[in-house]
Protein backbone atom coordinates (compact mmCIF):
# COMPACT_ATOMS: atom_id res chain seq x y z
CA MET A 1 108.54 115.93 109.57
CA PRO A 2 110.69 117.35 106.31
CA ILE A 3 111.07 114.69 103.94
CA PRO A 4 115.17 114.47 103.97
CA ARG A 5 117.64 115.23 101.50
CA LEU A 6 117.82 112.34 99.09
CA ARG A 7 121.79 111.36 98.82
CA ARG A 8 123.48 109.73 96.11
CA ARG A 9 124.88 106.86 97.29
CA HIS A 10 127.56 104.46 95.90
CA ARG A 11 126.68 101.10 94.08
CA PRO A 12 127.39 98.03 94.85
CA PRO A 13 130.21 96.39 92.82
CA ALA A 14 128.52 93.89 90.30
CA PRO A 15 129.99 90.11 90.83
CA LEU A 16 132.76 89.45 88.73
CA SER A 17 132.69 88.09 84.82
CA VAL A 18 134.53 85.38 84.31
CA GLY A 19 137.28 86.94 82.13
CA ALA A 20 137.51 89.17 84.49
CA ALA A 21 138.21 86.48 87.68
CA VAL A 22 140.39 84.86 85.80
CA GLY A 23 142.41 88.01 84.92
CA ARG A 24 142.73 88.86 88.27
CA PHE A 25 144.15 85.73 89.24
CA LEU A 26 146.86 85.51 86.36
CA LEU A 27 147.95 88.83 87.49
CA GLY A 28 147.85 87.66 90.85
CA SER A 29 150.33 84.52 89.60
CA LEU A 30 152.49 87.09 87.52
CA ALA A 31 152.91 88.85 90.92
CA ALA A 32 153.67 85.74 92.91
CA ILE A 33 156.10 84.30 89.98
CA ALA A 34 158.03 87.97 90.20
CA VAL A 35 158.01 87.85 94.02
CA VAL A 36 159.38 84.24 93.93
CA VAL A 37 162.22 85.56 91.23
CA VAL A 38 162.87 88.78 92.84
CA GLY A 39 163.24 86.82 96.79
CA GLY A 40 165.31 83.87 95.24
CA PHE A 41 167.91 86.24 94.01
CA PHE A 42 168.36 87.85 97.77
CA ALA A 43 168.09 84.23 99.09
CA LEU A 44 170.46 82.92 96.60
CA ARG A 45 172.71 85.88 97.22
CA SER A 46 172.79 85.82 101.28
CA VAL A 47 173.60 81.95 100.29
CA THR A 48 176.73 83.25 97.93
CA VAL A 49 177.97 85.61 100.83
CA ARG A 50 177.86 82.83 103.48
CA GLU A 51 178.94 80.08 100.86
CA ALA A 52 181.90 82.48 99.38
CA GLU A 53 182.88 83.18 103.51
CA ARG A 54 183.27 80.10 104.17
CA ASP A 55 185.36 79.62 100.71
CA THR A 56 187.61 82.78 102.18
CA ARG A 57 188.06 81.50 105.72
CA GLN A 58 189.25 77.76 103.84
CA ARG A 59 191.41 80.04 101.24
CA VAL A 60 192.88 82.43 103.73
CA GLU A 61 194.09 78.95 105.95
CA LEU A 62 195.67 77.73 103.10
CA GLN A 63 197.46 81.25 102.14
CA GLY A 64 198.39 81.69 105.39
CA SER A 65 199.89 78.07 105.33
CA LEU A 66 201.32 78.89 101.91
CA VAL A 67 202.97 81.97 103.54
CA GLU A 68 204.12 80.32 107.07
CA ALA A 69 205.93 77.67 105.11
CA ALA A 70 207.75 79.83 102.43
CA GLY A 71 207.59 83.26 103.53
CA LEU A 72 207.66 83.99 106.83
CA GLU A 73 211.12 84.71 108.87
CA ASP A 74 211.35 85.78 112.43
CA GLY A 75 213.20 88.77 110.94
CA LEU A 76 209.79 90.50 110.52
CA LEU A 77 208.87 90.55 114.09
CA ARG A 78 212.13 93.06 114.24
CA GLY A 79 211.63 95.01 111.20
CA ASP A 80 214.59 92.93 109.31
CA ALA A 81 214.39 94.14 105.51
CA ALA A 82 215.21 90.92 103.58
CA ALA A 83 212.58 89.26 105.84
CA ARG A 84 210.26 91.78 104.57
CA ALA A 85 211.77 91.79 101.10
CA ARG A 86 211.13 87.95 100.63
CA LEU A 87 207.59 88.03 102.14
CA ASP A 88 206.76 90.82 99.90
CA ASP A 89 208.12 88.64 96.73
CA LEU A 90 205.93 85.89 97.56
CA VAL A 91 202.86 87.44 98.55
CA GLN A 92 202.93 89.88 95.05
CA THR A 93 203.56 86.80 92.65
CA GLN A 94 201.73 84.23 94.73
CA LEU A 95 198.53 86.15 96.31
CA LEU A 96 197.81 89.26 94.72
CA SER A 97 195.04 89.04 92.39
CA ASP A 98 191.87 91.12 90.75
CA SER A 99 190.58 89.74 93.89
CA VAL A 100 192.54 89.46 96.37
CA VAL A 101 193.52 93.20 97.06
CA ARG A 102 195.44 93.74 100.64
CA VAL A 103 197.19 91.49 102.23
CA LYS A 104 198.34 92.58 105.85
CA LEU A 105 200.40 90.91 108.92
CA TRP A 106 199.76 91.70 112.92
CA SER A 107 201.36 91.33 115.63
CA ARG A 108 198.95 90.18 118.59
CA ASP A 109 199.68 93.87 120.36
CA GLY A 110 197.94 95.96 117.36
CA ARG A 111 201.26 96.58 114.93
CA ILE A 112 201.43 96.16 111.16
CA LEU A 113 204.21 93.54 110.82
CA TRP A 114 203.95 93.85 106.75
CA SER A 115 201.52 94.74 104.38
CA ASP A 116 202.06 94.93 100.65
CA GLU A 117 201.13 99.08 101.02
CA PRO A 118 204.01 100.17 102.92
CA ALA A 119 202.30 103.53 104.35
CA ILE A 120 200.90 101.10 107.25
CA ILE A 121 203.76 99.09 107.95
CA ASP A 122 205.14 99.42 111.87
CA ARG A 123 201.75 101.26 112.79
CA ARG A 124 199.74 100.42 115.25
CA PHE A 125 196.04 99.86 115.63
CA GLY A 126 193.58 98.05 117.70
CA LEU A 127 192.56 94.10 116.98
CA GLY A 128 189.01 93.53 117.54
CA ALA A 129 187.50 90.75 120.08
CA ASP A 130 187.14 88.07 117.38
CA GLU A 131 191.21 88.95 116.17
CA GLN A 132 192.22 88.36 119.20
CA ARG A 133 190.19 85.63 120.01
CA LEU A 134 192.10 83.99 117.02
CA PHE A 135 195.23 84.35 118.97
CA THR A 136 193.77 82.58 122.04
CA GLU A 137 191.46 79.56 120.05
CA GLY A 138 193.07 79.52 116.54
CA GLY A 139 190.94 78.86 113.17
CA SER A 140 190.17 81.64 110.95
CA ASP A 141 187.12 84.17 110.66
CA ALA A 142 185.79 86.06 107.64
CA GLU A 143 183.52 89.12 107.49
CA LEU A 144 183.03 92.21 105.40
CA SER A 145 185.33 94.99 105.79
CA ASP A 146 184.69 97.81 108.15
CA LEU A 147 186.33 100.44 105.64
CA SER A 148 185.83 103.33 107.93
CA ARG A 149 187.93 101.81 110.56
CA PRO A 150 191.61 103.80 110.26
CA GLU A 151 193.33 100.79 109.45
CA ASN A 152 191.48 100.26 106.37
CA ARG A 153 191.75 103.74 104.92
CA TYR A 154 193.97 102.54 102.09
CA GLU A 155 190.73 100.19 100.98
CA ARG A 156 188.51 102.35 100.75
CA HIS A 157 188.91 103.39 97.36
CA GLU A 158 188.38 99.42 96.36
CA GLY A 159 184.72 99.58 97.54
CA LYS A 160 183.09 96.57 99.44
CA LEU A 161 185.42 94.41 100.54
CA LEU A 162 185.75 90.97 102.29
CA GLU A 163 188.68 90.31 104.76
CA ALA A 164 189.47 87.47 106.09
CA HIS A 165 192.20 85.78 109.27
CA THR A 166 194.33 83.19 110.63
CA VAL A 167 196.64 83.08 112.80
CA ILE A 168 200.10 81.56 111.95
CA ARG A 169 203.42 81.27 113.44
CA THR A 170 207.03 82.67 112.86
CA PRO A 171 209.68 79.79 112.95
CA ASN A 172 210.80 80.58 116.56
CA GLY A 173 206.75 79.88 117.49
CA THR A 174 205.52 83.45 117.89
CA PRO A 175 201.51 83.81 116.58
CA VAL A 176 201.21 86.29 113.87
CA LEU A 177 197.55 87.49 112.26
CA PHE A 178 197.55 86.69 108.52
CA GLU A 179 194.94 88.91 107.16
CA THR A 180 193.69 89.25 103.37
CA TYR A 181 190.87 91.60 101.54
CA GLN A 182 189.25 90.14 98.86
CA ARG A 183 186.60 92.30 96.16
CA PHE A 184 183.19 91.22 97.17
CA ASP A 185 182.30 91.86 93.84
CA SER A 186 183.56 88.51 92.95
CA VAL A 187 181.10 87.47 95.57
CA SER A 188 177.96 89.21 93.91
CA ALA A 189 178.79 87.91 90.39
CA SER A 190 178.78 84.25 91.41
CA GLY A 191 175.58 84.75 93.05
CA GLN A 192 174.46 86.72 89.98
CA ARG A 193 175.51 83.30 88.02
CA LEU A 194 173.79 80.85 89.95
CA LEU A 195 170.90 82.80 89.69
CA ARG A 196 171.17 83.30 86.01
CA ALA A 197 171.41 79.45 85.93
CA LEU A 198 168.44 78.53 88.46
CA ALA A 199 166.01 81.27 87.15
CA PRO A 200 165.21 79.99 83.53
CA THR A 201 164.09 76.64 85.06
CA LEU A 202 162.53 77.98 87.79
CA VAL A 203 160.21 80.64 85.73
CA ALA A 204 159.56 77.69 83.08
CA ALA A 205 158.29 75.51 86.38
CA LEU A 206 156.34 78.04 87.31
CA ALA A 207 154.72 79.29 83.98
CA VAL A 208 154.36 75.65 83.38
CA LEU A 209 151.76 75.23 86.87
CA LEU A 210 150.09 78.65 85.58
CA LEU A 211 149.00 77.19 82.24
CA PHE A 212 147.61 74.52 84.80
CA GLN A 213 145.84 76.48 86.75
CA VAL A 214 144.50 79.32 84.04
CA PRO A 215 141.77 76.11 82.90
CA LEU A 216 141.21 75.23 86.64
CA SER A 217 140.93 78.69 87.68
CA TRP A 218 138.03 79.14 84.66
CA THR A 219 136.49 76.57 85.76
CA LEU A 220 135.99 77.65 89.40
CA ALA A 221 134.92 81.01 88.50
CA ARG A 222 131.67 79.87 86.16
CA ARG A 223 130.81 77.71 88.89
CA LEU A 224 131.09 80.42 91.33
CA GLN A 225 128.86 82.52 89.09
CA ARG A 226 126.56 80.09 88.17
CA GLY A 227 126.24 79.43 92.28
CA HIS A 228 125.66 82.76 92.32
CA ARG A 229 123.03 83.48 89.78
CA GLU A 230 120.84 80.13 91.57
CA ARG A 231 121.43 81.61 94.85
CA GLU A 232 119.73 85.03 93.39
CA ARG A 233 116.81 82.70 91.92
CA LEU A 234 116.53 80.85 95.39
CA LEU A 235 116.58 84.39 97.33
CA GLU A 236 114.27 85.46 94.75
CA GLY A 237 112.23 82.70 94.64
CA ALA A 238 111.91 82.42 98.64
CA ILE A 239 110.59 86.04 98.80
CA GLU A 240 107.96 84.91 96.10
CA ALA A 241 106.73 81.89 97.75
CA SER A 242 106.33 83.46 101.35
CA ASP A 243 104.47 86.14 99.45
CA ARG A 244 101.96 83.79 98.14
CA GLU A 245 101.75 81.69 101.46
CA ARG A 246 100.95 85.22 102.96
CA ARG A 247 98.52 85.77 100.30
CA ARG A 248 96.54 82.19 100.79
CA ILE A 249 96.24 83.12 104.22
CA ALA A 250 94.87 86.40 104.39
CA ALA A 251 92.31 84.73 101.75
CA ASP A 252 91.95 81.76 103.91
CA LEU A 253 91.30 84.32 107.08
CA HIS A 254 89.12 86.44 105.32
CA ASP A 255 86.99 84.44 103.18
CA GLY A 256 86.69 81.78 106.38
CA VAL A 257 86.85 83.37 109.48
CA VAL A 258 86.05 86.98 108.88
CA GLN A 259 83.16 86.52 107.24
CA ASP A 260 81.95 83.35 109.89
CA LEU A 261 82.55 86.33 112.74
CA ALA A 262 80.56 89.27 110.38
CA GLY A 263 77.92 86.91 110.21
CA VAL A 264 77.53 86.49 113.85
CA ALA A 265 77.84 89.43 114.88
CA PHE A 266 74.92 90.77 112.35
CA GLY A 267 72.99 87.88 113.79
CA LEU A 268 73.54 89.13 117.65
CA ALA A 269 72.32 92.90 116.85
CA PRO A 270 68.49 92.20 116.09
CA LEU A 271 68.75 89.34 119.29
CA ALA A 272 70.05 92.29 121.34
CA ASP A 273 66.98 94.53 120.06
CA ASP A 274 64.30 92.04 121.12
CA ALA A 275 65.32 91.32 124.23
CA ALA A 276 65.09 95.03 124.94
CA ARG A 277 61.69 94.92 123.86
CA ARG A 278 60.70 91.82 125.99
CA GLY A 279 62.52 94.00 128.65
CA ALA A 280 65.34 91.65 129.54
CA ASP A 281 67.75 94.35 129.79
CA ASP A 282 70.50 91.22 131.21
CA GLU A 283 70.64 89.91 128.66
CA ALA A 284 70.42 92.85 125.65
CA SER A 285 73.30 94.18 127.77
CA ALA A 286 75.38 90.74 127.63
CA LEU A 287 74.22 90.19 123.87
CA ARG A 288 75.29 94.26 122.65
CA GLU A 289 78.67 92.88 124.62
CA SER A 290 79.43 90.53 122.51
CA THR A 291 78.35 91.40 119.41
CA THR A 292 80.71 94.69 120.07
CA ARG A 293 83.69 92.27 121.27
CA LEU A 294 83.32 90.49 117.91
CA ARG A 295 83.10 93.46 115.71
CA GLN A 296 86.45 94.45 117.54
CA GLY A 297 87.68 91.21 116.74
CA ILE A 298 87.00 91.78 113.24
CA ARG A 299 88.78 95.04 112.85
CA SER A 300 92.22 93.37 114.78
CA LEU A 301 91.73 90.59 111.80
CA ARG A 302 91.53 92.86 108.97
CA THR A 303 94.00 94.82 109.93
CA LEU A 304 96.13 91.58 110.67
CA LEU A 305 94.91 90.64 107.03
CA VAL A 306 96.33 93.97 106.08
CA GLU A 307 99.57 93.54 107.46
CA ILE A 308 99.67 90.09 105.98
CA HIS A 309 98.98 90.87 102.81
CA PRO A 310 98.17 94.63 102.03
CA PRO A 311 95.72 95.18 98.84
CA SER A 312 98.17 95.30 95.59
CA LEU A 313 100.62 97.88 94.64
CA ASP A 314 98.90 98.60 91.41
CA SER A 315 95.41 99.50 92.47
CA ALA A 316 95.83 100.69 95.86
CA GLY A 317 99.43 103.09 95.96
CA LEU A 318 102.47 102.73 97.66
CA GLU A 319 101.01 105.72 99.82
CA ALA A 320 97.75 103.42 100.44
CA THR A 321 99.64 100.66 101.20
CA LEU A 322 102.04 102.02 103.47
CA ASP A 323 99.33 103.74 105.00
CA ASP A 324 97.68 100.39 105.81
CA LEU A 325 101.59 99.03 107.47
CA LEU A 326 101.43 101.85 109.79
CA SER A 327 97.70 101.45 110.85
CA PRO A 328 98.39 98.61 113.17
CA LEU A 329 100.96 100.89 115.04
CA ALA A 330 98.53 103.10 115.52
CA THR A 331 96.14 101.12 116.38
CA ALA A 332 98.50 99.89 119.36
CA GLY A 333 98.86 103.55 120.65
CA VAL A 334 102.00 104.19 118.58
CA THR A 335 102.25 107.78 116.96
CA THR A 336 102.53 107.53 113.71
CA GLU A 337 103.79 109.91 110.72
CA LEU A 338 103.97 109.27 106.49
CA HIS A 339 105.20 111.44 104.16
CA VAL A 340 105.48 110.66 100.29
CA ASP A 341 106.18 113.44 98.44
CA ASP A 342 104.92 113.85 95.14
CA GLY A 343 107.33 112.59 92.67
CA ALA A 344 106.60 108.72 94.97
CA THR A 345 102.70 108.90 94.71
CA ALA A 346 102.66 107.58 90.73
CA GLY A 347 104.49 104.12 91.49
CA SER A 348 107.79 102.92 90.02
CA SER A 349 109.64 99.69 89.19
CA ALA A 350 110.95 99.85 92.63
CA ASP A 351 108.00 100.10 94.65
CA PRO A 352 107.28 96.30 95.46
CA LEU A 353 111.15 96.79 97.22
CA VAL A 354 110.55 99.88 98.91
CA TYR A 355 106.91 98.32 100.38
CA ARG A 356 108.63 95.09 101.49
CA VAL A 357 111.82 97.15 103.11
CA ALA A 358 109.37 99.30 104.91
CA ARG A 359 106.82 96.00 105.71
CA GLU A 360 110.60 94.59 107.55
CA ALA A 361 111.00 97.82 109.40
CA LEU A 362 108.10 97.94 110.60
CA ARG A 363 107.26 94.89 111.67
CA ASN A 364 110.40 94.46 113.70
CA VAL A 365 108.95 98.30 115.06
CA ALA A 366 106.08 96.17 116.30
CA GLU A 367 107.49 93.25 117.71
CA HIS A 368 110.77 94.53 119.08
CA ALA A 369 111.21 98.23 119.51
CA GLY A 370 108.77 99.85 122.00
CA ALA A 371 108.75 102.78 120.51
CA SER A 372 106.36 105.96 120.78
CA GLN A 373 106.51 107.53 117.39
CA VAL A 374 107.67 105.99 114.15
CA VAL A 375 108.20 108.32 110.89
CA VAL A 376 108.11 107.08 107.63
CA CYS A 377 109.17 109.05 104.40
CA VAL A 378 109.62 108.17 100.74
CA ALA A 379 111.15 110.83 98.28
CA ARG A 380 112.02 110.36 94.61
CA ALA A 381 114.74 112.61 92.82
CA THR A 382 116.49 112.67 89.58
CA ASP A 383 120.39 113.32 89.24
CA GLY A 384 121.09 113.92 86.02
CA ASP A 385 120.58 110.42 84.25
CA ARG A 386 120.26 108.70 87.53
CA ARG A 387 116.45 108.11 89.08
CA ALA A 388 116.16 107.06 92.84
CA ILE A 389 113.42 106.32 95.13
CA ARG A 390 114.51 106.57 98.65
CA LEU A 391 112.50 105.29 102.32
CA THR A 392 113.69 106.39 105.72
CA VAL A 393 111.85 104.94 108.90
CA VAL A 394 112.78 106.35 112.21
CA ASP A 395 111.79 104.72 115.45
CA ASP A 396 112.63 106.13 118.76
CA GLY A 397 112.64 103.16 120.31
CA HIS A 398 115.06 100.96 122.37
CA GLY A 399 117.19 100.33 119.52
CA PHE A 400 119.98 97.54 119.51
CA ASP A 401 123.61 96.88 118.95
CA GLY A 402 125.78 94.57 115.65
CA SER A 403 126.16 91.79 118.66
CA MET A 404 122.05 91.66 119.46
CA ARG A 405 121.26 91.85 115.12
CA ALA A 406 123.79 88.63 114.91
CA ARG A 407 122.37 86.84 117.13
CA ARG A 408 118.80 88.00 115.60
CA ALA A 409 120.57 86.35 112.39
CA ASP A 410 121.82 83.19 113.77
CA GLU A 411 118.71 82.47 115.72
CA GLY A 412 116.79 82.26 111.94
CA HIS A 413 115.38 85.91 111.75
CA LEU A 414 116.86 87.10 108.29
CA GLY A 415 113.94 89.56 106.84
CA MET A 416 116.27 92.04 106.88
CA THR A 417 119.66 90.65 105.97
CA LEU A 418 117.52 88.91 102.82
CA LEU A 419 115.97 92.38 102.14
CA GLU A 420 119.83 93.66 102.36
CA GLU A 421 120.62 91.08 99.07
CA LEU A 422 117.82 91.57 97.30
CA VAL A 423 118.69 95.73 97.16
CA ALA A 424 122.05 95.11 96.38
CA GLU A 425 121.45 92.86 93.85
CA ALA A 426 118.70 95.71 92.35
CA GLY A 427 121.64 98.21 92.12
CA GLY A 428 120.42 100.06 95.38
CA THR A 429 121.74 100.26 99.35
CA LEU A 430 120.25 99.43 102.61
CA ASP A 431 121.17 101.00 105.71
CA VAL A 432 120.72 99.84 109.07
CA ARG A 433 121.33 102.07 111.93
CA SER A 434 120.60 101.54 115.62
CA ALA A 435 122.46 102.26 119.11
CA ILE A 436 121.04 101.23 122.39
CA GLY A 437 118.20 103.61 123.77
CA ALA A 438 118.64 105.46 120.35
CA GLY A 439 116.37 104.47 118.67
CA THR A 440 116.78 102.87 114.73
CA THR A 441 117.38 104.35 111.28
CA VAL A 442 116.15 102.47 108.54
CA GLU A 443 117.40 104.04 104.79
CA LEU A 444 116.51 102.33 101.51
CA GLU A 445 117.76 103.94 97.99
CA VAL A 446 116.91 101.97 94.86
CA PRO A 447 117.74 102.98 91.16
CA ILE A 448 114.18 103.23 89.22
CA ARG A 449 114.60 101.53 85.88
């Protein structure tokens, strides 16, 4: 099987330094302050508009009462010139200003009885449902003016306007609709004044809060960094402790049980030969069978010893130790292949990590995969200043899905998870791909330093 081409992968990002973490916190806090200020402007503007509409409703009622008491005559209903002139004098001197730019007086049937714009007097336009409601229920109303309506043709050059309505009565009791148009700029200006008044206090309060939070964030970032380093030390310690325990178990088995069984097998062989010379064929056959079983047991134990703790990488090399890892699978009837290119046989700083990942992957194959074939490839490549070693372990077993791996992790099977963290700390990547019925592929790539 050809050795897969070495692909360059992105190195996982290193943990942030304390300064970088606090810097990000400050940037986020400044962004939050900006959001608060901008949001506050629009919120205050919305509040100001609502307050302006309320004030405008109150103002139009007062202005309507003034017109009703001092300038409204029954002659307006008939288009009397004197009545119109009297109302014109009152509106021009008492109501029109820099903010109030138009005044209209409507009959219930939509005819404009009077306006400071003579071109629309006596013309008819449709009144909306809100205006009609005022004729029956009374009160007042204020809203942004729709300048696209034909009755507002002469107000379009004024820009955004706030129009207000209320019903007043002529001396004979006829209801008419009194309407004023106010510049919306005055509403926006009051909102901006309110924001300018509140913004310094708000920003100052946020700045003080930020100053108090910076030392706290610095302390928390340092604690997190110390916790990260401590977790790394614990993880490395756990791996080293596991290796030491494996080495101790392997040594105890080799020097104890294996030697004892080898001695027994060595002692049974001459007894079998002696029984054969005496003609005790049944006895000789039983002794030879026992000797054979003992030797098979010894081979199995030695295979187990290699799996528990293989020969030293420094003395035997990566290829030999990987071949030892594959031998139990081969003994179990699994077809195995090992491909190690010439560049990877010389040894490197990454060999221990390559071995650990291969050992965990092959252990999973033996215990869970039910595979008939396993292929292990190791390649080494140089890309500019970057040197890396890559391990690929492919089996044709049952495979698994993500939920199965998560469930095994919850049950305490954390071998591959711990190795993923070690690989990430070494600046490498560990990719496990699998699907039900499609086997499993484990790919490791780690830089050589």
